C-alpha atoms as a PDB file:
ATOM      1  CA  MET A   1      52.555 -41.278  52.377  1.00  0.00           C
ATOM      2  CA  SER A   2      54.067 -38.797  50.198  1.00  0.00           C
ATOM      3  CA  ILE A   3      52.935 -35.693  48.022  1.00  0.00           C
ATOM      4  CA  ASP A   4      54.273 -35.199  44.395  1.00  0.00           C
ATOM      5  CA  LEU A   5      54.142 -31.812  42.699  1.00  0.00           C
ATOM      6  CA  LYS A   6      50.910 -32.180  41.284  1.00  0.00           C
ATOM      7  CA  THR A   7      49.171 -32.665  44.512  1.00  0.00           C
ATOM      8  CA  VAL A   8      51.074 -29.512  45.767  1.00  0.00           C
ATOM      9  CA  LYS A   9      49.638 -27.338  42.779  1.00  0.00           C
ATOM     10  CA  HIS A  10      46.139 -28.569  43.265  1.00  0.00           C
ATOM     11  CA  ILE A  11      46.125 -27.817  47.075  1.00  0.00           C
ATOM     12  CA  SER A  12      47.354 -24.486  46.246  1.00  0.00           C
ATOM     13  CA  LYS A  13      44.681 -23.917  43.413  1.00  0.00           C
ATOM     14  CA  LEU A  14      42.024 -25.000  45.802  1.00  0.00           C
ATOM     15  CA  SER A  15      43.143 -22.639  48.684  1.00  0.00           C
ATOM     16  CA  ARG A  16      43.740 -19.903  46.030  1.00  0.00           C
ATOM     17  CA  ILE A  17      47.368 -19.419  47.022  1.00  0.00           C
ATOM     18  CA  SER A  18      49.654 -18.680  43.728  1.00  0.00           C
ATOM     19  CA  LEU A  19      52.822 -20.601  43.717  1.00  0.00           C
ATOM     20  CA  ASP A  20      55.747 -20.423  41.679  1.00  0.00           C
ATOM     21  CA  ASP A  21      57.502 -23.745  40.893  1.00  0.00           C
ATOM     22  CA  GLU A  22      60.413 -22.970  43.075  1.00  0.00           C
ATOM     23  CA  LYS A  23      58.200 -22.326  45.955  1.00  0.00           C
ATOM     24  CA  ALA A  24      55.840 -25.410  45.117  1.00  0.00           C
ATOM     25  CA  LYS A  25      58.847 -27.742  45.023  1.00  0.00           C
ATOM     26  CA  LYS A  26      60.256 -26.276  48.478  1.00  0.00           C
ATOM     27  CA  LEU A  27      56.626 -26.937  49.795  1.00  0.00           C
ATOM     28  CA  GLU A  28      56.684 -30.467  48.707  1.00  0.00           C
ATOM     29  CA  LYS A  29      59.817 -31.081  50.147  1.00  0.00           C
ATOM     30  CA  ASP A  30      58.648 -29.748  53.575  1.00  0.00           C
ATOM     31  CA  LEU A  31      55.222 -31.502  53.519  1.00  0.00           C
ATOM     32  CA  ASN A  32      56.899 -34.566  52.730  1.00  0.00           C
ATOM     33  CA  SER A  33      59.195 -34.310  55.864  1.00  0.00           C
ATOM     34  CA  ILE A  34      56.217 -33.363  57.997  1.00  0.00           C
ATOM     35  CA  PHE A  35      54.425 -36.533  56.823  1.00  0.00           C
ATOM     36  CA  LYS A  36      57.695 -38.682  57.432  1.00  0.00           C
ATOM     37  CA  PHE A  37      57.818 -37.266  60.834  1.00  0.00           C
ATOM     38  CA  ILE A  38      53.837 -37.879  61.562  1.00  0.00           C
ATOM     39  CA  GLU A  39      54.291 -41.667  60.448  1.00  0.00           C
ATOM     40  CA  LYS A  40      57.362 -42.319  62.845  1.00  0.00           C
ATOM     41  CA  LEU A  41      54.869 -40.850  65.688  1.00  0.00           C
ATOM     42  CA  ASN A  42      51.956 -43.380  64.580  1.00  0.00           C
ATOM     43  CA  GLU A  43      55.009 -46.150  65.264  1.00  0.00           C
ATOM     44  CA  LEU A  44      55.016 -44.879  69.044  1.00  0.00           C
ATOM     45  CA  ASP A  45      53.110 -47.142  71.383  1.00  0.00           C
ATOM     46  CA  THR A  46      51.019 -44.991  73.356  1.00  0.00           C
ATOM     47  CA  SER A  47      48.400 -47.324  74.826  1.00  0.00           C
ATOM     48  CA  LYS A  48      49.807 -46.856  78.516  1.00  0.00           C
ATOM     49  CA  THR A  49      50.060 -43.145  78.446  1.00  0.00           C
ATOM     50  CA  GLU A  50      47.572 -41.108  79.789  1.00  0.00           C
ATOM     51  CA  ALA A  51      45.953 -38.312  78.163  1.00  0.00           C
ATOM     52  CA  LEU A  52      47.456 -34.793  78.881  1.00  0.00           C
ATOM     53  CA  SER A  53      45.481 -31.595  79.015  1.00  0.00           C
ATOM     54  CA  SER A  54      48.082 -29.601  80.743  1.00  0.00           C
ATOM     55  CA  ILE A  55      51.534 -29.982  81.999  1.00  0.00           C
ATOM     56  CA  VAL A  56      50.869 -28.201  85.115  1.00  0.00           C
ATOM     57  CA  GLU A  57      49.764 -30.570  87.627  1.00  0.00           C
ATOM     58  CA  THR A  58      47.480 -28.071  89.677  1.00  0.00           C
ATOM     59  CA  LYS A  59      43.708 -27.884  90.539  1.00  0.00           C
ATOM     60  CA  LEU A  60      41.584 -24.816  90.069  1.00  0.00           C
ATOM     61  CA  GLN A  61      41.241 -22.758  93.348  1.00  0.00           C
ATOM     62  CA  LEU A  62      37.360 -22.112  93.761  1.00  0.00           C
ATOM     63  CA  ARG A  63      36.545 -18.927  95.357  1.00  0.00           C
ATOM     64  CA  LYS A  64      33.234 -17.801  96.811  1.00  0.00           C
ATOM     65  CA  ASP A  65      31.185 -15.623  94.473  1.00  0.00           C
ATOM     66  CA  GLU A  66      30.638 -12.226  95.944  1.00  0.00           C
ATOM     67  CA  ILE A  67      28.933  -8.980  94.609  1.00  0.00           C
ATOM     68  CA  LYS A  68      31.449  -6.348  95.223  1.00  0.00           C
ATOM     69  CA  SER A  69      29.775  -3.342  93.752  1.00  0.00           C
ATOM     70  CA  LYS A  70      26.093  -2.618  94.329  1.00  0.00           C
ATOM     71  CA  ASP A  71      23.787  -0.247  92.874  1.00  0.00           C
ATOM     72  CA  ILE A  72      25.843   0.812  89.882  1.00  0.00           C
ATOM     73  CA  ARG A  73      23.109   0.306  87.246  1.00  0.00           C
ATOM     74  CA  GLU A  74      22.744   4.035  86.948  1.00  0.00           C
ATOM     75  CA  GLN A  75      26.499   4.841  86.274  1.00  0.00           C
ATOM     76  CA  ILE A  76      26.749   2.101  83.630  1.00  0.00           C
ATOM     77  CA  LEU A  77      23.637   3.203  81.874  1.00  0.00           C
ATOM     78  CA  LYS A  78      25.262   6.643  81.694  1.00  0.00           C
ATOM     79  CA  ASN A  79      27.661   5.217  78.990  1.00  0.00           C
ATOM     80  CA  SER A  80      24.935   4.255  76.776  1.00  0.00           C
ATOM     81  CA  PRO A  81      25.038   6.041  73.402  1.00  0.00           C
ATOM     82  CA  SER A  82      21.473   6.610  73.653  1.00  0.00           C
ATOM     83  CA  GLU A  83      19.440   7.364  76.826  1.00  0.00           C
ATOM     84  CA  ASN A  84      17.380   4.569  78.197  1.00  0.00           C
ATOM     85  CA  LYS A  85      16.869   3.933  81.848  1.00  0.00           C
ATOM     86  CA  ASP A  86      16.296   0.137  81.530  1.00  0.00           C
ATOM     87  CA  PHE A  87      19.107  -0.944  79.053  1.00  0.00           C
ATOM     88  CA  PHE A  88      22.182  -0.261  77.352  1.00  0.00           C
ATOM     89  CA  VAL A  89      21.259   1.153  73.979  1.00  0.00           C
ATOM     90  CA  VAL A  90      23.839   0.883  70.978  1.00  0.00           C
ATOM     91  CA  PRO A  91      23.386   1.940  67.208  1.00  0.00           C
ATOM     92  CA  LYS A  92      22.105  -0.714  64.683  1.00  0.00           C
ATOM     93  CA  VAL A  93      25.001  -2.251  62.938  1.00  0.00           C
ATOM     94  CA  VAL A  94      22.903  -4.962  60.540  1.00  0.00           C
ATOM     95  CA  GLU A  95      20.499  -3.608  58.030  1.00  0.00           C
END
């Protein structure tokens, strides 16, 4: 697949990016080299390759879920901009 100058200018118009001719030609060259690289990657046989989500072969360590702070509700609610004994009240942002 190759991209011509007309396509680059069309894409720049759709994305509302202004490009002069010099930048458009450079972008055309860059995009074509990227597509050539993608075509090379598509030629690789990856049928025997296992999917990889991380390069680190570690398992997450589970820990016991413990409550470390008790009865701090009053301290937290003191930081509320408006006084309310049950909820944290903040100013309205959406009209």
